[in-house]
């Protein structure tokens, strides 16, 4: 386990990421952890449209900081979301 921690910190350092952000699971790592956790519980991982929606929303915040709440580029993902939600209603 200590070897894994040392490797993780060396990867942070190589990317120029301060150690104070150790617990920030942004980017791809967040989904890897979420999928692993779901697997440990015998559940399915996060659906592809959810990841795509999150990535599109993050890009929107960066590209349009003043209007990201009003202008969206992810409408092509809505049919996938609606399809999944029909399983629950």
N, C-alpha and C. Protein backbone atom coordinates (compact mmCIF):
# COMPACT_ATOMS: atom_id res chain seq x y z
N UNK A 1 0.83 -1.20 0.00
CA UNK A 1 0.00 0.00 0.00
C UNK A 1 0.87 1.26 0.00
N UNK A 2 1.94 1.24 0.76
CA UNK A 2 2.82 2.42 0.81
C UNK A 2 3.45 2.67 -0.56
N UNK A 3 3.70 1.59 -1.29
CA UNK A 3 4.27 1.74 -2.63
C UNK A 3 3.26 2.45 -3.54
N UNK A 4 1.97 2.10 -3.40
CA UNK A 4 0.92 2.76 -4.19
C UNK A 4 0.81 4.24 -3.85
N UNK A 5 0.92 4.56 -2.57
CA UNK A 5 0.86 5.96 -2.13
C UNK A 5 2.03 6.74 -2.71
N UNK A 6 3.23 6.15 -2.64
CA UNK A 6 4.41 6.81 -3.18
C UNK A 6 4.26 7.04 -4.69
N UNK A 7 3.72 6.05 -5.39
CA UNK A 7 3.50 6.18 -6.83
C UNK A 7 2.49 7.30 -7.12
N UNK A 8 1.42 7.33 -6.33
CA UNK A 8 0.39 8.35 -6.51
C UNK A 8 0.99 9.75 -6.33
N UNK A 9 1.76 9.93 -5.26
CA UNK A 9 2.37 11.24 -5.02
C UNK A 9 3.38 11.61 -6.09
N UNK A 10 4.10 10.64 -6.62
CA UNK A 10 5.05 10.95 -7.68
C UNK A 10 4.30 11.37 -8.96
N UNK A 11 3.13 10.76 -9.20
CA UNK A 11 2.32 11.17 -10.35
C UNK A 11 1.79 12.59 -10.16
N UNK A 12 1.36 12.91 -8.94
CA UNK A 12 0.91 14.28 -8.66
C UNK A 12 2.03 15.28 -8.92
N UNK A 13 3.20 14.94 -8.41
CA UNK A 13 4.35 15.84 -8.55
C UNK A 13 4.72 16.02 -10.02
N UNK A 14 4.69 14.94 -10.79
CA UNK A 14 5.03 15.01 -12.22
C UNK A 14 4.06 15.91 -12.98
N UNK A 15 2.82 15.95 -12.53
CA UNK A 15 1.81 16.80 -13.18
C UNK A 15 1.81 18.22 -12.64
N UNK A 16 2.62 18.48 -11.61
CA UNK A 16 2.63 19.80 -11.01
C UNK A 16 1.43 20.05 -10.11
N UNK A 17 0.81 18.99 -9.63
CA UNK A 17 -0.39 19.08 -8.80
C UNK A 17 0.02 19.11 -7.34
N UNK A 18 -0.32 20.16 -6.58
CA UNK A 18 0.07 20.24 -5.17
C UNK A 18 -0.53 19.11 -4.33
N UNK A 19 0.19 18.68 -3.31
CA UNK A 19 -0.28 17.59 -2.45
C UNK A 19 -1.58 17.95 -1.73
N UNK A 20 -1.84 19.23 -1.57
CA UNK A 20 -3.07 19.61 -0.87
C UNK A 20 -4.32 19.21 -1.66
N UNK A 21 -4.14 18.86 -2.93
CA UNK A 21 -5.26 18.40 -3.76
C UNK A 21 -5.32 16.87 -3.85
N UNK A 22 -4.71 16.20 -2.91
CA UNK A 22 -4.66 14.74 -2.92
C UNK A 22 -6.04 14.11 -3.04
N UNK A 23 -7.02 14.66 -2.36
CA UNK A 23 -8.35 14.05 -2.34
C UNK A 23 -9.29 14.57 -3.42
N UNK A 24 -8.80 15.42 -4.30
CA UNK A 24 -9.60 15.90 -5.41
C UNK A 24 -9.62 14.82 -6.49
N UNK A 25 -10.75 14.19 -6.69
CA UNK A 25 -10.85 13.10 -7.65
C UNK A 25 -11.39 13.56 -9.00
N UNK A 26 -11.07 14.78 -9.39
CA UNK A 26 -11.54 15.30 -10.66
C UNK A 26 -10.95 14.55 -11.83
N UNK A 27 -11.44 14.86 -13.02
CA UNK A 27 -10.95 14.19 -14.21
C UNK A 27 -11.41 12.75 -14.29
N UNK A 28 -10.62 11.91 -14.93
CA UNK A 28 -10.99 10.51 -15.10
C UNK A 28 -10.94 9.70 -13.83
N UNK A 29 -10.09 10.09 -12.89
CA UNK A 29 -9.93 9.33 -11.66
C UNK A 29 -11.23 9.23 -10.89
N UNK A 30 -12.01 10.28 -10.90
CA UNK A 30 -13.27 10.28 -10.16
C UNK A 30 -14.17 9.15 -10.65
N UNK A 31 -14.27 8.98 -11.96
CA UNK A 31 -15.14 7.95 -12.51
C UNK A 31 -14.57 6.56 -12.28
N UNK A 32 -13.27 6.43 -12.34
CA UNK A 32 -12.67 5.13 -12.04
C UNK A 32 -13.02 4.71 -10.62
N UNK A 33 -12.92 5.64 -9.69
CA UNK A 33 -13.25 5.33 -8.30
C UNK A 33 -14.73 5.01 -8.14
N UNK A 34 -15.59 5.82 -8.74
CA UNK A 34 -17.04 5.59 -8.64
C UNK A 34 -17.42 4.22 -9.21
N UNK A 35 -16.84 3.88 -10.37
CA UNK A 35 -17.14 2.58 -10.98
C UNK A 35 -16.61 1.43 -10.12
N UNK A 36 -15.43 1.60 -9.56
CA UNK A 36 -14.87 0.58 -8.68
C UNK A 36 -15.76 0.39 -7.46
N UNK A 37 -16.20 1.49 -6.87
CA UNK A 37 -17.04 1.43 -5.68
C UNK A 37 -18.38 0.74 -6.00
N UNK A 38 -18.97 1.07 -7.13
CA UNK A 38 -20.23 0.43 -7.54
C UNK A 38 -20.01 -1.07 -7.73
N UNK A 39 -18.90 -1.44 -8.34
CA UNK A 39 -18.59 -2.85 -8.54
C UNK A 39 -18.45 -3.58 -7.21
N UNK A 40 -17.82 -2.95 -6.24
CA UNK A 40 -17.66 -3.57 -4.92
C UNK A 40 -19.01 -3.82 -4.25
N UNK A 41 -20.00 -3.02 -4.61
CA UNK A 41 -21.34 -3.15 -4.03
C UNK A 41 -22.27 -3.99 -4.91
N UNK A 42 -21.72 -4.55 -5.98
CA UNK A 42 -22.53 -5.37 -6.87
C UNK A 42 -23.48 -4.57 -7.74
N UNK A 43 -23.14 -3.32 -8.01
CA UNK A 43 -23.98 -2.43 -8.81
C UNK A 43 -23.29 -2.10 -10.13
N UNK A 44 -24.07 -1.56 -11.06
CA UNK A 44 -23.50 -1.10 -12.32
C UNK A 44 -22.75 0.21 -12.09
N UNK A 45 -21.77 0.47 -12.95
CA UNK A 45 -21.04 1.73 -12.87
C UNK A 45 -21.88 2.88 -13.40
N UNK A 46 -21.27 4.04 -13.45
CA UNK A 46 -21.95 5.24 -13.94
C UNK A 46 -22.09 5.14 -15.45
N UNK A 47 -23.28 5.45 -15.94
CA UNK A 47 -23.57 5.37 -17.37
C UNK A 47 -22.74 6.34 -18.19
N UNK A 48 -22.49 5.98 -19.44
CA UNK A 48 -21.68 6.81 -20.32
C UNK A 48 -22.23 8.21 -20.54
N UNK A 49 -23.57 8.34 -20.62
CA UNK A 49 -24.13 9.66 -20.86
C UNK A 49 -23.90 10.57 -19.66
N UNK A 50 -23.86 10.01 -18.45
CA UNK A 50 -23.62 10.85 -17.26
C UNK A 50 -22.21 11.43 -17.28
N UNK A 51 -21.25 10.61 -17.64
CA UNK A 51 -19.87 11.10 -17.75
C UNK A 51 -19.77 12.17 -18.83
N UNK A 52 -20.39 11.90 -19.97
CA UNK A 52 -20.35 12.87 -21.07
C UNK A 52 -21.04 14.17 -20.68
N UNK A 53 -22.15 14.08 -19.94
CA UNK A 53 -22.87 15.27 -19.50
C UNK A 53 -22.00 16.09 -18.54
N UNK A 54 -21.33 15.42 -17.62
CA UNK A 54 -20.47 16.12 -16.67
C UNK A 54 -19.32 16.82 -17.40
N UNK A 55 -18.70 16.12 -18.33
CA UNK A 55 -17.57 16.70 -19.07
C UNK A 55 -18.05 17.90 -19.89
N UNK A 56 -19.20 17.79 -20.54
CA UNK A 56 -19.75 18.91 -21.31
C UNK A 56 -20.06 20.10 -20.41
N UNK A 57 -20.60 19.83 -19.22
CA UNK A 57 -20.92 20.91 -18.29
C UNK A 57 -19.65 21.61 -17.80
N UNK A 58 -18.62 20.84 -17.50
CA UNK A 58 -17.35 21.43 -17.05
C UNK A 58 -16.73 22.30 -18.15
N UNK A 59 -16.76 21.81 -19.39
CA UNK A 59 -16.23 22.59 -20.50
C UNK A 59 -17.03 23.88 -20.67
N UNK A 60 -18.33 23.78 -20.48
CA UNK A 60 -19.19 24.95 -20.61
C UNK A 60 -18.83 26.01 -19.57
N UNK A 61 -18.55 25.59 -18.35
CA UNK A 61 -18.16 26.52 -17.28
C UNK A 61 -16.87 27.23 -17.67
N UNK A 62 -15.92 26.48 -18.20
CA UNK A 62 -14.63 27.06 -18.58
C UNK A 62 -14.78 28.01 -19.77
N UNK A 63 -15.54 27.58 -20.78
CA UNK A 63 -15.67 28.37 -22.01
C UNK A 63 -16.60 29.57 -21.89
N UNK A 64 -17.59 29.48 -20.99
CA UNK A 64 -18.57 30.56 -20.84
C UNK A 64 -18.82 30.86 -19.37
N UNK A 65 -17.84 31.37 -18.67
CA UNK A 65 -18.01 31.57 -17.23
C UNK A 65 -19.18 32.50 -16.87
N UNK A 66 -19.52 33.41 -17.75
CA UNK A 66 -20.60 34.33 -17.43
C UNK A 66 -21.99 33.86 -17.84
N UNK A 67 -22.04 32.86 -18.73
CA UNK A 67 -23.36 32.45 -19.24
C UNK A 67 -23.55 30.93 -19.28
N UNK A 68 -22.68 30.19 -18.59
CA UNK A 68 -22.78 28.72 -18.68
C UNK A 68 -24.11 28.17 -18.18
N UNK A 69 -24.79 28.91 -17.35
CA UNK A 69 -26.10 28.43 -16.85
C UNK A 69 -27.20 28.59 -17.90
N UNK A 70 -26.97 29.46 -18.87
CA UNK A 70 -28.00 29.79 -19.85
C UNK A 70 -27.79 29.13 -21.21
N UNK A 71 -26.54 28.77 -21.54
CA UNK A 71 -26.21 28.21 -22.85
C UNK A 71 -25.59 26.83 -22.64
N UNK A 72 -26.19 25.81 -23.26
CA UNK A 72 -25.70 24.44 -23.07
C UNK A 72 -25.38 23.80 -24.42
N UNK A 73 -24.40 22.93 -24.41
CA UNK A 73 -24.01 22.19 -25.62
C UNK A 73 -24.20 20.69 -25.44
N UNK A 74 -25.07 20.30 -24.53
CA UNK A 74 -25.19 18.87 -24.23
C UNK A 74 -26.58 18.31 -24.53
N UNK A 75 -27.35 19.01 -25.34
CA UNK A 75 -28.73 18.56 -25.60
C UNK A 75 -28.78 17.21 -26.31
N UNK A 76 -27.71 16.86 -27.02
CA UNK A 76 -27.67 15.56 -27.70
C UNK A 76 -27.65 14.39 -26.71
N UNK A 77 -27.35 14.67 -25.44
CA UNK A 77 -27.31 13.62 -24.42
C UNK A 77 -28.66 13.41 -23.73
N UNK A 78 -29.57 14.34 -23.91
CA UNK A 78 -30.87 14.25 -23.23
C UNK A 78 -31.68 13.00 -23.59
N UNK A 79 -31.73 12.59 -24.87
CA UNK A 79 -32.48 11.36 -25.17
C UNK A 79 -31.93 10.13 -24.42
N UNK A 80 -30.62 10.07 -24.26
CA UNK A 80 -30.03 8.95 -23.52
C UNK A 80 -30.45 9.00 -22.06
N UNK A 81 -30.46 10.19 -21.49
CA UNK A 81 -30.87 10.34 -20.09
C UNK A 81 -32.34 9.95 -19.93
N UNK A 82 -33.18 10.43 -20.83
CA UNK A 82 -34.61 10.11 -20.75
C UNK A 82 -34.84 8.61 -20.87
N UNK A 83 -34.09 7.97 -21.77
CA UNK A 83 -34.21 6.52 -21.95
C UNK A 83 -33.89 5.78 -20.65
N UNK A 84 -32.83 6.20 -19.99
CA UNK A 84 -32.47 5.54 -18.73
C UNK A 84 -33.50 5.81 -17.64
N UNK A 85 -34.00 7.02 -17.58
CA UNK A 85 -34.97 7.38 -16.53
C UNK A 85 -36.29 6.64 -16.68
N UNK A 86 -36.62 6.20 -17.90
CA UNK A 86 -37.87 5.46 -18.07
C UNK A 86 -37.85 4.14 -17.32
N UNK A 87 -36.68 3.65 -16.97
CA UNK A 87 -36.58 2.40 -16.20
C UNK A 87 -37.13 2.57 -14.79
N UNK A 88 -37.15 3.80 -14.31
CA UNK A 88 -37.52 4.06 -12.92
C UNK A 88 -38.94 4.61 -12.76
N UNK A 89 -39.56 5.01 -13.86
CA UNK A 89 -40.89 5.60 -13.77
C UNK A 89 -41.89 4.86 -14.62
